[in-house]
Amino acid sequence: MNKIAKVFIETLPILFGILFSYLFWQNSFLLFAIYIILSVVLILWRGDNSEFAIFIYGIIIGGLVEVIGTQVSGYQSFAEPDFLGIPIWLPIVWGYGFVAMKRIGIILKS
């Protein structure tokens, strides 16, 4: 399989995440549950347990970025904030985004 196809496959969960956000944006806790379940399944499926550390790191950094953006600098706001001015599911998306970028980086490097 060529690099473009592999990158596309690693991008599919992100595209589905965008679809889920579009469909369920008014139910933050449902999105939170969907994203947690999908992220854990996708990490377990790959079998690289180090990705859990990357996932947690991404949650922390992404959460900080979003909270700073809403609470400290005020450059953004959300229509349905749940937690410190942000949707509760948003740091989970950041966490998986870090995992996806790691995977894509490995593909592009090989």
C-alpha atoms as a PDB file:
ATOM      1  CA  MET A   1       0.000   0.000   0.000  1.00  0.00           C
ATOM      2  CA  ASN A   2       1.428   3.397  -0.878  1.00  0.00           C
ATOM      3  CA  LYS A   3       1.926   6.304   1.519  1.00  0.00           C
ATOM      4  CA  ILE A   4      -1.061   8.276   0.283  1.00  0.00           C
ATOM      5  CA  ALA A   5      -3.420   5.378   0.936  1.00  0.00           C
ATOM      6  CA  LYS A   6      -1.939   4.776   4.393  1.00  0.00           C
ATOM      7  CA  VAL A   7      -2.251   8.464   5.308  1.00  0.00           C
ATOM      8  CA  PHE A   8      -5.842   8.451   4.055  1.00  0.00           C
ATOM      9  CA  ILE A   9      -6.661   5.437   6.239  1.00  0.00           C
ATOM     10  CA  GLU A  10      -5.188   7.188   9.291  1.00  0.00           C
ATOM     11  CA  THR A  11      -7.227  10.288   8.413  1.00  0.00           C
ATOM     12  CA  LEU A  12     -10.547   8.401   8.262  1.00  0.00           C
ATOM     13  CA  PRO A  13     -11.178   8.504  12.050  1.00  0.00           C
ATOM     14  CA  ILE A  14     -10.697  12.275  11.964  1.00  0.00           C
ATOM     15  CA  LEU A  15     -13.169  12.614   9.102  1.00  0.00           C
ATOM     16  CA  PHE A  16     -15.687  10.444  10.959  1.00  0.00           C
ATOM     17  CA  GLY A  17     -15.097  12.599  14.030  1.00  0.00           C
ATOM     18  CA  ILE A  18     -16.054  15.674  12.024  1.00  0.00           C
ATOM     19  CA  LEU A  19     -19.204  13.888  10.879  1.00  0.00           C
ATOM     20  CA  PHE A  20     -20.066  12.876  14.459  1.00  0.00           C
ATOM     21  CA  SER A  21     -19.505  16.464  15.633  1.00  0.00           C
ATOM     22  CA  TYR A  22     -21.854  17.694  12.940  1.00  0.00           C
ATOM     23  CA  LEU A  23     -24.538  15.154  13.813  1.00  0.00           C
ATOM     24  CA  PHE A  24     -24.335  15.246  17.609  1.00  0.00           C
ATOM     25  CA  TRP A  25     -22.930  18.681  18.528  1.00  0.00           C
ATOM     26  CA  GLN A  26     -25.898  19.414  20.766  1.00  0.00           C
ATOM     27  CA  ASN A  27     -25.209  16.383  22.979  1.00  0.00           C
ATOM     28  CA  SER A  28     -21.713  16.875  24.374  1.00  0.00           C
ATOM     29  CA  PHE A  29     -21.815  13.857  26.648  1.00  0.00           C
ATOM     30  CA  LEU A  30     -22.791  11.536  23.786  1.00  0.00           C
ATOM     31  CA  LEU A  31     -19.914  12.919  21.706  1.00  0.00           C
ATOM     32  CA  PHE A  32     -17.590  12.509  24.681  1.00  0.00           C
ATOM     33  CA  ALA A  33     -18.593   8.836  25.009  1.00  0.00           C
ATOM     34  CA  ILE A  34     -18.297   8.210  21.257  1.00  0.00           C
ATOM     35  CA  TYR A  35     -14.849   9.802  21.081  1.00  0.00           C
ATOM     36  CA  ILE A  36     -13.533   7.994  24.167  1.00  0.00           C
ATOM     37  CA  ILE A  37     -14.756   4.626  22.908  1.00  0.00           C
ATOM     38  CA  LEU A  38     -13.468   5.154  19.366  1.00  0.00           C
ATOM     39  CA  SER A  39     -10.107   6.452  20.554  1.00  0.00           C
ATOM     40  CA  VAL A  40      -9.516   3.553  22.927  1.00  0.00           C
ATOM     41  CA  VAL A  41     -10.622   0.993  20.328  1.00  0.00           C
ATOM     42  CA  LEU A  42      -8.402   2.527  17.635  1.00  0.00           C
ATOM     43  CA  ILE A  43      -5.393   2.602  19.972  1.00  0.00           C
ATOM     44  CA  LEU A  44      -5.970  -0.981  21.151  1.00  0.00           C
ATOM     45  CA  TRP A  45      -6.522  -2.127  17.565  1.00  0.00           C
ATOM     46  CA  ARG A  46      -3.071  -0.885  16.596  1.00  0.00           C
ATOM     47  CA  GLY A  47      -1.535  -2.640  19.587  1.00  0.00           C
ATOM     48  CA  ASP A  48       0.956   0.122  20.451  1.00  0.00           C
ATOM     49  CA  ASN A  49       0.379   0.819  24.141  1.00  0.00           C
ATOM     50  CA  SER A  50       2.736   3.816  24.038  1.00  0.00           C
ATOM     51  CA  GLU A  51      -0.034   5.600  22.132  1.00  0.00           C
ATOM     52  CA  PHE A  52      -2.044   5.819  25.347  1.00  0.00           C
ATOM     53  CA  ALA A  53       0.644   8.129  26.759  1.00  0.00           C
ATOM     54  CA  ILE A  54       0.496  10.241  23.586  1.00  0.00           C
ATOM     55  CA  PHE A  55      -3.313  10.273  23.844  1.00  0.00           C
ATOM     56  CA  ILE A  56      -3.248  11.489  27.475  1.00  0.00           C
ATOM     57  CA  TYR A  57      -0.578  14.073  26.646  1.00  0.00           C
ATOM     58  CA  GLY A  58      -2.720  15.344  23.760  1.00  0.00           C
ATOM     59  CA  ILE A  59      -5.759  15.590  26.033  1.00  0.00           C
ATOM     60  CA  ILE A  60      -3.814  17.679  28.535  1.00  0.00           C
ATOM     61  CA  ILE A  61      -2.139  19.976  25.993  1.00  0.00           C
ATOM     62  CA  GLY A  62      -5.286  20.334  23.884  1.00  0.00           C
ATOM     63  CA  GLY A  63      -7.378  21.094  26.940  1.00  0.00           C
ATOM     64  CA  LEU A  64      -4.896  23.759  28.027  1.00  0.00           C
ATOM     65  CA  VAL A  65      -4.862  25.343  24.575  1.00  0.00           C
ATOM     66  CA  GLU A  66      -8.660  25.483  24.460  1.00  0.00           C
ATOM     67  CA  VAL A  67      -9.076  26.779  28.025  1.00  0.00           C
ATOM     68  CA  ILE A  68      -6.440  29.463  27.431  1.00  0.00           C
ATOM     69  CA  GLY A  69      -8.193  30.389  24.186  1.00  0.00           C
ATOM     70  CA  THR A  70     -11.541  30.814  25.912  1.00  0.00           C
ATOM     71  CA  GLN A  71     -10.796  31.841  29.486  1.00  0.00           C
ATOM     72  CA  VAL A  72      -7.480  33.691  29.326  1.00  0.00           C
ATOM     73  CA  SER A  73      -7.135  35.343  25.934  1.00  0.00           C
ATOM     74  CA  GLY A  74     -10.781  35.183  24.889  1.00  0.00           C
ATOM     75  CA  TYR A  75     -10.009  34.713  21.203  1.00  0.00           C
ATOM     76  CA  GLN A  76     -12.650  31.996  20.912  1.00  0.00           C
ATOM     77  CA  SER A  77     -15.891  30.857  22.463  1.00  0.00           C
ATOM     78  CA  PHE A  78     -18.223  27.903  22.102  1.00  0.00           C
ATOM     79  CA  ALA A  79     -22.008  27.821  21.754  1.00  0.00           C
ATOM     80  CA  GLU A  80     -22.376  24.821  24.098  1.00  0.00           C
ATOM     81  CA  PRO A  81     -19.510  24.877  26.642  1.00  0.00           C
ATOM     82  CA  ASP A  82     -19.541  22.197  29.356  1.00  0.00           C
ATOM     83  CA  PHE A  83     -16.214  22.395  31.112  1.00  0.00           C
ATOM     84  CA  LEU A  84     -14.160  25.552  31.701  1.00  0.00           C
ATOM     85  CA  GLY A  85     -15.743  27.222  28.674  1.00  0.00           C
ATOM     86  CA  ILE A  86     -15.164  24.343  26.256  1.00  0.00           C
ATOM     87  CA  PRO A  87     -17.129  21.281  25.157  1.00  0.00           C
ATOM     88  CA  ILE A  88     -16.147  18.287  27.293  1.00  0.00           C
ATOM     89  CA  TRP A  89     -15.359  16.191  24.214  1.00  0.00           C
ATOM     90  CA  LEU A  90     -12.861  18.620  22.687  1.00  0.00           C
ATOM     91  CA  PRO A  91      -9.745  17.544  24.627  1.00  0.00           C
ATOM     92  CA  ILE A  92     -10.465  13.933  23.625  1.00  0.00           C
ATOM     93  CA  VAL A  93     -10.367  14.977  19.979  1.00  0.00           C
ATOM     94  CA  TRP A  94      -7.026  16.686  20.598  1.00  0.00           C
ATOM     95  CA  GLY A  95      -5.737  13.516  22.237  1.00  0.00           C
ATOM     96  CA  TYR A  96      -6.594  11.334  19.283  1.00  0.00           C
ATOM     97  CA  GLY A  97      -5.289  14.020  16.938  1.00  0.00           C
ATOM     98  CA  PHE A  98      -1.873  13.649  18.578  1.00  0.00           C
ATOM     99  CA  VAL A  99      -2.025   9.878  18.042  1.00  0.00           C
ATOM    100  CA  ALA A 100      -3.068  10.332  14.408  1.00  0.00           C
ATOM    101  CA  MET A 101      -0.233  12.800  13.778  1.00  0.00           C
ATOM    102  CA  LYS A 102       2.266  10.339  15.274  1.00  0.00           C
ATOM    103  CA  ARG A 103       0.989   7.605  12.986  1.00  0.00           C
ATOM    104  CA  ILE A 104       1.004   9.838   9.911  1.00  0.00           C
ATOM    105  CA  GLY A 105       4.499  11.069  10.748  1.00  0.00           C
ATOM    106  CA  ILE A 106       5.771   7.479  10.859  1.00  0.00           C
ATOM    107  CA  ILE A 107       4.141   6.742   7.503  1.00  0.00           C
ATOM    108  CA  LEU A 108       5.664   9.822   5.876  1.00  0.00           C
ATOM    109  CA  LYS A 109       9.087   9.101   7.354  1.00  0.00           C
ATOM    110  CA  SER A 110       9.217   5.508   6.077  1.00  0.00           C
END
